[in-house]
Amino acid sequence: MAVIQLNGQRREALGKGGARKARAAGQIPGVVYGHGETPMPVSIDGRDFANAMRAHKGGNAIVNLKVEDTEVTALVRDAQIDPLSRAVLHLDFQHISLTETIEVEVTV
């Protein structure tokens, strides 16, 4: 399975207002959580994410997310999508280890 390379920034402005400002700038707000670490709010470039997911085949995308000076291997756990415009509103990334077993849902 191919690992998708994405770049992101740490979000300082949290909450509804910060998320709206990020979306207005072409960013997708999100959060990286799991693996015993504190949740980290991030923002991903919307165009880069759309291009990466368009090229991805399969349901569970593994992402190598580079935020500032750290790299995190994560699974795209949830994507909130606007029902009218089909734009991605928010992303949830679950930090994973490639050597541990995890449970995921597979659509049939």
PDB file of N, CA and C in Angstrom:
ATOM      1  N   MET A   1       0.845  -1.177   0.000  1.00  0.00           N
ATOM      2  CA  MET A   1       0.000   0.000   0.000  1.00  0.00           C
ATOM      3  C   MET A   1       0.887   1.234   0.000  1.00  0.00           C
ATOM      4  N   ALA A   2       0.546   2.189  -0.836  1.00  0.00           N
ATOM      5  CA  ALA A   2       1.323   3.410  -0.960  1.00  0.00           C
ATOM      6  C   ALA A   2       1.007   4.376   0.177  1.00  0.00           C
ATOM      7  N   VAL A   3       2.028   5.075   0.618  1.00  0.00           N
ATOM      8  CA  VAL A   3       1.870   6.076   1.669  1.00  0.00           C
ATOM      9  C   VAL A   3       1.825   7.446   1.005  1.00  0.00           C
ATOM     10  N   ILE A   4       0.811   8.234   1.340  1.00  0.00           N
ATOM     11  CA  ILE A   4       0.614   9.553   0.760  1.00  0.00           C
ATOM     12  C   ILE A   4       1.436  10.567   1.543  1.00  0.00           C
ATOM     13  N   GLN A   5       2.178  11.405   0.837  1.00  0.00           N
ATOM     14  CA  GLN A   5       2.990  12.446   1.470  1.00  0.00           C
ATOM     15  C   GLN A   5       2.199  13.751   1.493  1.00  0.00           C
ATOM     16  N   LEU A   6       2.006  14.333   2.688  1.00  0.00           N
ATOM     17  CA  LEU A   6       1.309  15.610   2.835  1.00  0.00           C
ATOM     18  C   LEU A   6       2.099  16.529   3.753  1.00  0.00           C
ATOM     19  N   ASN A   7       2.011  17.821   3.483  1.00  0.00           N
ATOM     20  CA  ASN A   7       2.607  18.829   4.348  1.00  0.00           C
ATOM     21  C   ASN A   7       1.489  19.578   5.054  1.00  0.00           C
ATOM     22  N   GLY A   8       1.736  19.940   6.294  1.00  0.00           N
ATOM     23  CA  GLY A   8       0.739  20.684   7.052  1.00  0.00           C
ATOM     24  C   GLY A   8       1.396  21.678   7.979  1.00  0.00           C
ATOM     25  N   GLN A   9       0.557  22.502   8.587  1.00  0.00           N
ATOM     26  CA  GLN A   9       1.020  23.478   9.562  1.00  0.00           C
ATOM     27  C   GLN A   9       0.232  23.267  10.849  1.00  0.00           C
ATOM     28  N   ARG A  10       0.864  23.622  11.940  1.00  0.00           N
ATOM     29  CA  ARG A  10       0.176  23.589  13.231  1.00  0.00           C
ATOM     30  C   ARG A  10      -0.766  24.789  13.292  1.00  0.00           C
ATOM     31  N   ARG A  11      -2.011  24.552  13.713  1.00  0.00           N
ATOM     32  CA  ARG A  11      -2.995  25.635  13.822  1.00  0.00           C
ATOM     33  C   ARG A  11      -2.920  26.257  15.201  1.00  0.00           C
ATOM     34  N   GLU A  12      -2.801  27.552  15.241  1.00  0.00           N
ATOM     35  CA  GLU A  12      -2.808  28.282  16.509  1.00  0.00           C
ATOM     36  C   GLU A  12      -4.204  28.776  16.848  1.00  0.00           C
ATOM     37  N   ALA A  13      -4.956  29.223  15.838  1.00  0.00           N
ATOM     38  CA  ALA A  13      -6.322  29.707  16.056  1.00  0.00           C
ATOM     39  C   ALA A  13      -7.263  28.508  16.077  1.00  0.00           C
ATOM     40  N   LEU A  14      -7.813  28.211  17.242  1.00  0.00           N
ATOM     41  CA  LEU A  14      -8.688  27.054  17.395  1.00  0.00           C
ATOM     42  C   LEU A  14     -10.146  27.485  17.408  1.00  0.00           C
ATOM     43  N   GLY A  15     -11.031  26.530  17.336  1.00  0.00           N
ATOM     44  CA  GLY A  15     -12.458  26.811  17.414  1.00  0.00           C
ATOM     45  C   GLY A  15     -13.060  27.104  16.051  1.00  0.00           C
ATOM     46  N   LYS A  16     -14.323  27.523  16.091  1.00  0.00           N
ATOM     47  CA  LYS A  16     -15.070  27.773  14.870  1.00  0.00           C
ATOM     48  C   LYS A  16     -14.456  28.900  14.037  1.00  0.00           C
ATOM     49  N   GLY A  17     -14.050  29.979  14.690  1.00  0.00           N
ATOM     50  CA  GLY A  17     -13.478  31.113  13.965  1.00  0.00           C
ATOM     51  C   GLY A  17     -12.171  30.767  13.286  1.00  0.00           C
ATOM     52  N   GLY A  18     -11.316  30.052  13.986  1.00  0.00           N
ATOM     53  CA  GLY A  18     -10.041  29.641  13.400  1.00  0.00           C
ATOM     54  C   GLY A  18     -10.223  28.686  12.236  1.00  0.00           C
ATOM     55  N   ALA A  19     -11.203  27.785  12.349  1.00  0.00           N
ATOM     56  CA  ALA A  19     -11.475  26.847  11.261  1.00  0.00           C
ATOM     57  C   ALA A  19     -12.018  27.579  10.042  1.00  0.00           C
ATOM     58  N   ARG A  20     -12.881  28.558  10.256  1.00  0.00           N
ATOM     59  CA  ARG A  20     -13.430  29.331   9.133  1.00  0.00           C
ATOM     60  C   ARG A  20     -12.334  30.128   8.428  1.00  0.00           C
ATOM     61  N   LYS A  21     -11.401  30.700   9.201  1.00  0.00           N
ATOM     62  CA  LYS A  21     -10.305  31.449   8.597  1.00  0.00           C
ATOM     63  C   LYS A  21      -9.391  30.530   7.793  1.00  0.00           C
ATOM     64  N   ALA A  22      -9.157  29.330   8.300  1.00  0.00           N
ATOM     65  CA  ALA A  22      -8.322  28.369   7.575  1.00  0.00           C
ATOM     66  C   ALA A  22      -8.994  27.962   6.270  1.00  0.00           C
ATOM     67  N   ARG A  23     -10.312  27.697   6.303  1.00  0.00           N
ATOM     68  CA  ARG A  23     -11.024  27.329   5.079  1.00  0.00           C
ATOM     69  C   ARG A  23     -11.028  28.466   4.066  1.00  0.00           C
ATOM     70  N   ALA A  24     -11.164  29.706   4.537  1.00  0.00           N
ATOM     71  CA  ALA A  24     -11.145  30.862   3.642  1.00  0.00           C
ATOM     72  C   ALA A  24      -9.784  31.019   2.962  1.00  0.00           C
ATOM     73  N   ALA A  25      -8.721  30.552   3.610  1.00  0.00           N
ATOM     74  CA  ALA A  25      -7.370  30.621   3.042  1.00  0.00           C
ATOM     75  C   ALA A  25      -7.037  29.400   2.187  1.00  0.00           C
ATOM     76  N   GLY A  26      -8.011  28.519   1.939  1.00  0.00           N
ATOM     77  CA  GLY A  26      -7.770  27.338   1.121  1.00  0.00           C
ATOM     78  C   GLY A  26      -7.207  26.162   1.888  1.00  0.00           C
ATOM     79  N   GLN A  27      -7.221  26.228   3.211  1.00  0.00           N
ATOM     80  CA  GLN A  27      -6.706  25.153   4.062  1.00  0.00           C
ATOM     81  C   GLN A  27      -7.869  24.292   4.565  1.00  0.00           C
ATOM     82  N   ILE A  28      -7.580  23.064   4.933  1.00  0.00           N
ATOM     83  CA  ILE A  28      -8.561  22.187   5.567  1.00  0.00           C
ATOM     84  C   ILE A  28      -8.116  22.005   7.018  1.00  0.00           C
ATOM     85  N   PRO A  29      -8.945  22.422   7.982  1.00  0.00           N
ATOM     86  CA  PRO A  29      -8.577  22.212   9.383  1.00  0.00           C
ATOM     87  C   PRO A  29      -8.688  20.728   9.736  1.00  0.00           C
ATOM     88  N   GLY A  30      -7.857  20.307  10.678  1.00  0.00           N
ATOM     89  CA  GLY A  30      -7.886  18.919  11.097  1.00  0.00           C
ATOM     90  C   GLY A  30      -7.212  18.738  12.437  1.00  0.00           C
ATOM     91  N   VAL A  31      -7.190  17.487  12.892  1.00  0.00           N
ATOM     92  CA  VAL A  31      -6.564  17.162  14.162  1.00  0.00           C
ATOM     93  C   VAL A  31      -5.870  15.810  14.021  1.00  0.00           C
ATOM     94  N   VAL A  32      -4.706  15.697  14.648  1.00  0.00           N
ATOM     95  CA  VAL A  32      -3.961  14.433  14.704  1.00  0.00           C
ATOM     96  C   VAL A  32      -4.027  13.954  16.147  1.00  0.00           C
ATOM     97  N   TYR A  33      -4.524  12.732  16.349  1.00  0.00           N
ATOM     98  CA  TYR A  33      -4.660  12.200  17.693  1.00  0.00           C
ATOM     99  C   TYR A  33      -4.248  10.734  17.717  1.00  0.00           C
ATOM    100  N   GLY A  34      -4.130  10.190  18.923  1.00  0.00           N
ATOM    101  CA  GLY A  34      -3.863   8.766  19.074  1.00  0.00           C
ATOM    102  C   GLY A  34      -2.435   8.454  19.444  1.00  0.00           C
ATOM    103  N   HIS A  35      -2.206   7.183  19.689  1.00  0.00           N
ATOM    104  CA  HIS A  35      -0.902   6.611  20.018  1.00  0.00           C
ATOM    105  C   HIS A  35      -0.318   7.208  21.290  1.00  0.00           C
ATOM    106  N   GLY A  36      -1.197   7.569  22.244  1.00  0.00           N
ATOM    107  CA  GLY A  36      -0.741   8.049  23.537  1.00  0.00           C
ATOM    108  C   GLY A  36      -0.238   9.471  23.556  1.00  0.00           C
ATOM    109  N   GLU A  37      -0.531  10.259  22.542  1.00  0.00           N
ATOM    110  CA  GLU A  37      -0.056  11.629  22.469  1.00  0.00           C
ATOM    111  C   GLU A  37      -1.220  12.600  22.615  1.00  0.00           C
ATOM    112  N   THR A  38      -0.910  13.834  22.941  1.00  0.00           N
ATOM    113  CA  THR A  38      -1.949  14.850  23.028  1.00  0.00           C
ATOM    114  C   THR A  38      -2.387  15.234  21.615  1.00  0.00           C
ATOM    115  N   PRO A  39      -3.673  15.538  21.414  1.00  0.00           N
ATOM    116  CA  PRO A  39      -4.147  15.924  20.085  1.00  0.00           C
ATOM    117  C   PRO A  39      -3.460  17.192  19.592  1.00  0.00           C
ATOM    118  N   MET A  40      -3.144  17.208  18.294  1.00  0.00           N
ATOM    119  CA  MET A  40      -2.445  18.337  17.695  1.00  0.00           C
ATOM    120  C   MET A  40      -3.319  18.896  16.563  1.00  0.00           C
ATOM    121  N   PRO A  41      -3.788  20.145  16.691  1.00  0.00           N
ATOM    122  CA  PRO A  41      -4.567  20.739  15.602  1.00  0.00           C
ATOM    123  C   PRO A  41      -3.657  21.130  14.442  1.00  0.00           C
ATOM    124  N   VAL A  42      -4.073  20.769  13.231  1.00  0.00           N
ATOM    125  CA  VAL A  42      -3.272  21.040  12.037  1.00  0.00           C
ATOM    126  C   VAL A  42      -4.161  21.631  10.951  1.00  0.00           C
ATOM    127  N   SER A  43      -3.530  22.148   9.909  1.00  0.00           N
ATOM    128  CA  SER A  43      -4.249  22.546   8.707  1.00  0.00           C
ATOM    129  C   SER A  43      -3.462  22.035   7.506  1.00  0.00           C
ATOM    130  N   ILE A  44      -4.208  21.521   6.526  1.00  0.00           N
ATOM    131  CA  ILE A  44      -3.636  20.906   5.339  1.00  0.00           C
ATOM    132  C   ILE A  44      -4.091  21.715   4.131  1.00  0.00           C
ATOM    133  N   ASP A  45      -3.235  21.889   3.146  1.00  0.00           N
ATOM    134  CA  ASP A  45      -3.631  22.592   1.933  1.00  0.00           C
ATOM    135  C   ASP A  45      -4.716  21.788   1.217  1.00  0.00           C
ATOM    136  N   GLY A  46      -5.814  22.437   0.896  1.00  0.00           N
ATOM    137  CA  GLY A  46      -6.964  21.758   0.299  1.00  0.00           C
ATOM    138  C   GLY A  46      -6.676  21.168  -1.061  1.00  0.00           C
ATOM    139  N   ARG A  47      -5.930  21.882  -1.877  1.00  0.00           N
ATOM    140  CA  ARG A  47      -5.633  21.395  -3.226  1.00  0.00           C
ATOM    141  C   ARG A  47      -4.692  20.192  -3.173  1.00  0.00           C
ATOM    142  N   ASP A  48      -3.681  20.234  -2.299  1.00  0.00           N
ATOM    143  CA  ASP A  48      -2.766  19.098  -2.168  1.00  0.00           C
ATOM    144  C   ASP A  48      -3.499  17.851  -1.690  1.00  0.00           C
ATOM    145  N   PHE A  49      -4.418  18.021  -0.714  1.00  0.00           N
ATOM    146  CA  PHE A  49      -5.174  16.884  -0.200  1.00  0.00           C
ATOM    147  C   PHE A  49      -6.076  16.295  -1.278  1.00  0.00           C
ATOM    148  N   ALA A  50      -6.761  17.139  -2.040  1.00  0.00           N
ATOM    149  CA  ALA A  50      -7.644  16.654  -3.097  1.00  0.00           C
ATOM    150  C   ALA A  50      -6.867  15.888  -4.160  1.00  0.00           C
ATOM    151  N   ASN A  51      -5.710  16.407  -4.565  1.00  0.00           N
ATOM    152  CA  ASN A  51      -4.894  15.721  -5.561  1.00  0.00           C
ATOM    153  C   ASN A  51      -4.375  14.385  -5.049  1.00  0.00           C
ATOM    154  N   ALA A  52      -3.971  14.338  -3.781  1.00  0.00           N
ATOM    155  CA  ALA A  52      -3.454  13.102  -3.207  1.00  0.00           C
ATOM    156  C   ALA A  52      -4.552  12.044  -3.095  1.00  0.00           C
ATOM    157  N   MET A  53      -5.746  12.455  -2.713  1.00  0.00           N
ATOM    158  CA  MET A  53      -6.829  11.488  -2.554  1.00  0.00           C
ATOM    159  C   MET A  53      -7.386  11.051  -3.909  1.00  0.00           C
ATOM    160  N   ARG A  54      -7.287  11.897  -4.905  1.00  0.00           N
ATOM    161  CA  ARG A  54      -7.744  11.528  -6.245  1.00  0.00           C
ATOM    162  C   ARG A  54      -6.872  10.417  -6.812  1.00  0.00           C
ATOM    163  N   ALA A  55      -5.589  10.450  -6.511  1.00  0.00           N
ATOM    164  CA  ALA A  55      -4.657   9.443  -7.013  1.00  0.00           C
ATOM    165  C   ALA A  55      -4.661   8.180  -6.168  1.00  0.00           C
ATOM    166  N   HIS A  56      -5.245   8.247  -4.958  1.00  0.00           N
ATOM    167  CA  HIS A  56      -5.231   7.109  -4.040  1.00  0.00           C
ATOM    168  C   HIS A  56      -6.321   6.115  -4.415  1.00  0.00           C
ATOM    169  N   LYS A  57      -5.972   4.851  -4.438  1.00  0.00           N
ATOM    170  CA  LYS A  57      -6.932   3.789  -4.692  1.00  0.00           C
ATOM    171  C   LYS A  57      -7.133   3.008  -3.402  1.00  0.00           C
ATOM    172  N   GLY A  58      -8.358   2.825  -2.998  1.00  0.00           N
ATOM    173  CA  GLY A  58      -8.649   2.078  -1.781  1.00  0.00           C
ATOM    174  C   GLY A  58      -9.387   2.945  -0.788  1.00  0.00           C
ATOM    175  N   GLY A  59      -9.745   2.351   0.358  1.00  0.00           N
ATOM    176  CA  GLY A  59     -10.564   3.057   1.322  1.00  0.00           C
ATOM    177  C   GLY A  59      -9.804   3.719   2.451  1.00  0.00           C
ATOM    178  N   ASN A  60      -8.816   3.054   3.011  1.00  0.00           N
ATOM    179  CA  ASN A  60      -8.099   3.571   4.174  1.00  0.00           C
ATOM    180  C   ASN A  60      -6.748   4.121   3.736  1.00  0.00           C
ATOM    181  N   ALA A  61      -6.661   5.442   3.723  1.00  0.00           N
ATOM    182  CA  ALA A  61      -5.452   6.097   3.250  1.00  0.00           C
ATOM    183  C   ALA A  61      -4.453   6.269   4.387  1.00  0.00           C
ATOM    184  N   ILE A  62      -3.222   5.811   4.171  1.00  0.00           N
ATOM    185  CA  ILE A  62      -2.141   6.029   5.127  1.00  0.00           C
ATOM    186  C   ILE A  62      -1.356   7.244   4.655  1.00  0.00           C
ATOM    187  N   VAL A  63      -1.177   8.199   5.566  1.00  0.00           N
ATOM    188  CA  VAL A  63      -0.579   9.477   5.232  1.00  0.00           C
ATOM    189  C   VAL A  63       0.689   9.678   6.045  1.00  0.00           C
ATOM    190  N   ASN A  64       1.749  10.151   5.401  1.00  0.00           N
ATOM    191  CA  ASN A  64       2.946  10.587   6.093  1.00  0.00           C
ATOM    192  C   ASN A  64       2.845  12.102   6.164  1.00  0.00           C
ATOM    193  N   LEU A  65       2.406  12.606   7.312  1.00  0.00           N
ATOM    194  CA  LEU A  65       2.099  14.014   7.494  1.00  0.00           C
ATOM    195  C   LEU A  65       3.294  14.722   8.107  1.00  0.00           C
ATOM    196  N   LYS A  66       3.840  15.700   7.365  1.00  0.00           N
ATOM    197  CA  LYS A  66       4.980  16.462   7.856  1.00  0.00           C
ATOM    198  C   LYS A  66       4.464  17.803   8.372  1.00  0.00           C
ATOM    199  N   VAL A  67       4.558  17.982   9.695  1.00  0.00           N
ATOM    200  CA  VAL A  67       4.115  19.213  10.347  1.00  0.00           C
ATOM    201  C   VAL A  67       5.333  19.839  10.997  1.00  0.00           C
ATOM    202  N   GLU A  68       5.736  20.996  10.457  1.00  0.00           N
ATOM    203  CA  GLU A  68       6.921  21.730  10.907  1.00  0.00           C
ATOM    204  C   GLU A  68       8.137  20.818  10.879  1.00  0.00           C
ATOM    205  N   ASP A  69       8.666  20.400  12.022  1.00  0.00           N
ATOM    206  CA  ASP A  69       9.872  19.572  12.030  1.00  0.00           C
ATOM    207  C   ASP A  69       9.594  18.118  12.386  1.00  0.00           C
ATOM    208  N   THR A  70       8.336  17.728  12.531  1.00  0.00           N
ATOM    209  CA  THR A  70       7.997  16.345  12.878  1.00  0.00           C
ATOM    210  C   THR A  70       7.260  15.672  11.727  1.00  0.00           C
ATOM    211  N   GLU A  71       7.458  14.369  11.618  1.00  0.00           N
ATOM    212  CA  GLU A  71       6.723  13.568  10.645  1.00  0.00           C
ATOM    213  C   GLU A  71       5.905  12.538  11.396  1.00  0.00           C
ATOM    214  N   VAL A  72       4.642  12.437  11.009  1.00  0.00           N
ATOM    215  CA  VAL A  72       3.699  11.545  11.674  1.00  0.00           C
ATOM    216  C   VAL A  72       3.083  10.629  10.631  1.00  0.00           C
ATOM    217  N   THR A  73       3.096   9.330  10.893  1.00  0.00           N
ATOM    218  CA  THR A  73       2.392   8.382  10.049  1.00  0.00           C
ATOM    219  C   THR A  73       0.992   8.249  10.624  1.00  0.00           C
ATOM    220  N   ALA A  74      -0.011   8.522   9.801  1.00  0.00           N
ATOM    221  CA  ALA A  74      -1.380   8.567  10.299  1.00  0.00           C
ATOM    222  C   ALA A  74      -2.330   7.944   9.293  1.00  0.00           C
ATOM    223  N   LEU A  75      -3.494   7.597   9.792  1.00  0.00           N
ATOM    224  CA  LEU A  75      -4.579   7.044   9.008  1.00  0.00           C
ATOM    225  C   LEU A  75      -5.669   8.102   8.940  1.00  0.00           C
ATOM    226  N   VAL A  76      -6.225   8.358   7.775  1.00  0.00           N
ATOM    227  CA  VAL A  76      -7.332   9.306   7.667  1.00  0.00           C
ATOM    228  C   VAL A  76      -8.553   8.603   8.262  1.00  0.00           C
ATOM    229  N   ARG A  77      -8.891   8.967   9.506  1.00  0.00           N
ATOM    230  CA  ARG A  77      -9.955   8.285  10.220  1.00  0.00           C
ATOM    231  C   ARG A  77     -11.333   8.814   9.845  1.00  0.00           C
ATOM    232  N   ASP A  78     -11.441  10.133   9.629  1.00  0.00           N
ATOM    233  CA  ASP A  78     -12.737  10.706   9.308  1.00  0.00           C
ATOM    234  C   ASP A  78     -12.538  11.975   8.488  1.00  0.00           C
ATOM    235  N   ALA A  79     -13.416  12.189   7.535  1.00  0.00           N
ATOM    236  CA  ALA A  79     -13.419  13.417   6.740  1.00  0.00           C
ATOM    237  C   ALA A  79     -14.851  13.937   6.727  1.00  0.00           C
ATOM    238  N   GLN A  80     -15.041  15.132   7.260  1.00  0.00           N
ATOM    239  CA  GLN A  80     -16.367  15.743   7.232  1.00  0.00           C
ATOM    240  C   GLN A  80     -16.519  16.481   5.916  1.00  0.00           C
ATOM    241  N   ILE A  81     -17.598  16.169   5.183  1.00  0.00           N
ATOM    242  CA  ILE A  81     -17.799  16.698   3.842  1.00  0.00           C
ATOM    243  C   ILE A  81     -19.095  17.492   3.798  1.00  0.00           C
ATOM    244  N   ASP A  82     -19.042  18.673   3.173  1.00  0.00           N
ATOM    245  CA  ASP A  82     -20.232  19.486   3.001  1.00  0.00           C
ATOM    246  C   ASP A  82     -21.172  18.779   2.021  1.00  0.00           C
ATOM    247  N   PRO A  83     -22.448  18.582   2.382  1.00  0.00           N
ATOM    248  CA  PRO A  83     -23.344  17.825   1.510  1.00  0.00           C
ATOM    249  C   PRO A  83     -23.694  18.531   0.197  1.00  0.00           C
ATOM    250  N   LEU A  84     -23.612  19.850   0.151  1.00  0.00           N
ATOM    251  CA  LEU A  84     -23.958  20.563  -1.074  1.00  0.00           C
ATOM    252  C   LEU A  84     -22.770  20.773  -1.995  1.00  0.00           C
ATOM    253  N   SER A  85     -21.691  21.315  -1.466  1.00  0.00           N
ATOM    254  CA  SER A  85     -20.539  21.622  -2.313  1.00  0.00           C
ATOM    255  C   SER A  85     -19.559  20.455  -2.433  1.00  0.00           C
ATOM    256  N   ARG A  86     -19.704  19.436  -1.602  1.00  0.00           N
ATOM    257  CA  ARG A  86     -18.815  18.266  -1.566  1.00  0.00           C
ATOM    258  C   ARG A  86     -17.383  18.641  -1.195  1.00  0.00           C
ATOM    259  N   ALA A  87     -17.211  19.787  -0.540  1.00  0.00           N
ATOM    260  CA  ALA A  87     -15.894  20.221  -0.081  1.00  0.00           C
ATOM    261  C   ALA A  87     -15.582  19.569   1.262  1.00  0.00           C
ATOM    262  N   VAL A  88     -14.324  19.268   1.500  1.00  0.00           N
ATOM    263  CA  VAL A  88     -13.900  18.686   2.771  1.00  0.00           C
ATOM    264  C   VAL A  88     -13.839  19.800   3.812  1.00  0.00           C
ATOM    265  N   LEU A  89     -14.564  19.637   4.924  1.00  0.00           N
ATOM    266  CA  LEU A  89     -14.635  20.653   5.963  1.00  0.00           C
ATOM    267  C   LEU A  89     -13.639  20.417   7.084  1.00  0.00           C
ATOM    268  N   HIS A  90     -13.379  19.149   7.423  1.00  0.00           N
ATOM    269  CA  HIS A  90     -12.505  18.837   8.560  1.00  0.00           C
ATOM    270  C   HIS A  90     -11.956  17.433   8.381  1.00  0.00           C
ATOM    271  N   LEU A  91     -10.730  17.219   8.837  1.00  0.00           N
ATOM    272  CA  LEU A  91     -10.073  15.919   8.741  1.00  0.00           C
ATOM    273  C   LEU A  91      -9.635  15.445  10.118  1.00  0.00           C
ATOM    274  N   ASP A  92      -9.795  14.166  10.376  1.00  0.00           N
ATOM    275  CA  ASP A  92      -9.275  13.524  11.583  1.00  0.00           C
ATOM    276  C   ASP A  92      -8.219  12.519  11.157  1.00  0.00           C
ATOM    277  N   PHE A  93      -7.019  12.684  11.687  1.00  0.00           N
ATOM    278  CA  PHE A  93      -5.915  11.765  11.425  1.00  0.00           C
ATOM    279  C   PHE A  93      -5.621  10.995  12.701  1.00  0.00           C
ATOM    280  N   GLN A  94      -5.535   9.666  12.614  1.00  0.00           N
ATOM    281  CA  GLN A  94      -5.159   8.852  13.767  1.00  0.00           C
ATOM    282  C   GLN A  94      -3.705   8.429  13.602  1.00  0.00           C
ATOM    283  N   HIS A  95      -2.881   8.836  14.567  1.00  0.00           N
ATOM    284  CA  HIS A  95      -1.449   8.499  14.550  1.00  0.00           C
ATOM    285  C   HIS A  95      -1.310   6.998  14.740  1.00  0.00           C
ATOM    286  N   ILE A  96      -0.570   6.334  13.848  1.00  0.00           N
ATOM    287  CA  ILE A  96      -0.411   4.882  13.915  1.00  0.00           C
ATOM    288  C   ILE A  96       1.061   4.522  13.834  1.00  0.00           C
ATOM    289  N   SER A  97       1.342   3.287  14.185  1.00  0.00           N
ATOM    290  CA  SER A  97       2.666   2.714  13.994  1.00  0.00           C
ATOM    291  C   SER A  97       2.533   1.628  12.932  1.00  0.00           C
ATOM    292  N   LEU A  98       3.457   1.579  11.999  1.00  0.00           N
ATOM    293  CA  LEU A  98       3.376   0.600  10.921  1.00  0.00           C
ATOM    294  C   LEU A  98       3.713  -0.815  11.374  1.00  0.00           C
ATOM    295  N   THR A  99       4.173  -0.967  12.618  1.00  0.00           N
ATOM    296  CA  THR A  99       4.512  -2.296  13.117  1.00  0.00           C
ATOM    297  C   THR A  99       3.441  -2.871  14.023  1.00  0.00           C
ATOM    298  N   GLU A 100       2.412  -2.084  14.389  1.00  0.00           N
ATOM    299  CA  GLU A 100       1.348  -2.561  15.260  1.00  0.00           C
ATOM    300  C   GLU A 100       0.085  -2.868  14.469  1.00  0.00           C
ATOM    301  N   THR A 101      -0.742  -3.754  15.032  1.00  0.00           N
ATOM    302  CA  THR A 101      -1.996  -4.139  14.408  1.00  0.00           C
ATOM    303  C   THR A 101      -3.099  -3.174  14.812  1.00  0.00           C
ATOM    304  N   ILE A 102      -3.903  -2.730  13.840  1.00  0.00           N
ATOM    305  CA  ILE A 102      -5.043  -1.859  14.122  1.00  0.00           C
ATOM    306  C   ILE A 102      -6.280  -2.434  13.445  1.00  0.00           C
ATOM    307  N   GLU A 103      -7.457  -2.000  13.900  1.00  0.00           N
ATOM    308  CA  GLU A 103      -8.707  -2.418  13.289  1.00  0.00           C
ATOM    309  C   GLU A 103      -9.274  -1.258  12.485  1.00  0.00           C
ATOM    310  N   VAL A 104      -9.674  -1.560  11.231  1.00  0.00           N
ATOM    311  CA  VAL A 104     -10.288  -0.558  10.370  1.00  0.00           C
ATOM    312  C   VAL A 104     -11.533  -1.155   9.738  1.00  0.00           C
ATOM    313  N   GLU A 105     -12.440  -0.281   9.284  1.00  0.00           N
ATOM    314  CA  GLU A 105     -13.622  -0.729   8.575  1.00  0.00           C
ATOM    315  C   GLU A 105     -13.307  -0.808   7.087  1.00  0.00           C
ATOM    316  N   VAL A 106     -13.788  -1.873   6.452  1.00  0.00           N
ATOM    317  CA  VAL A 106     -13.576  -2.065   5.031  1.00  0.00           C
ATOM    318  C   VAL A 106     -14.939  -2.154   4.370  1.00  0.00           C
ATOM    319  N   THR A 107     -15.191  -1.282   3.393  1.00  0.00           N
ATOM    320  CA  THR A 107     -16.469  -1.335   2.675  1.00  0.00           C
ATOM    321  C   THR A 107     -16.449  -2.458   1.662  1.00  0.00           C
ATOM    322  N   VAL A 108     -17.581  -3.119   1.535  1.00  0.00           N
ATOM    323  CA  VAL A 108     -17.684  -4.246   0.608  1.00  0.00           C
ATOM    324  C   VAL A 108     -18.642  -3.904  -0.500  1.00  0.00           C
TER     325      VAL A 108
END
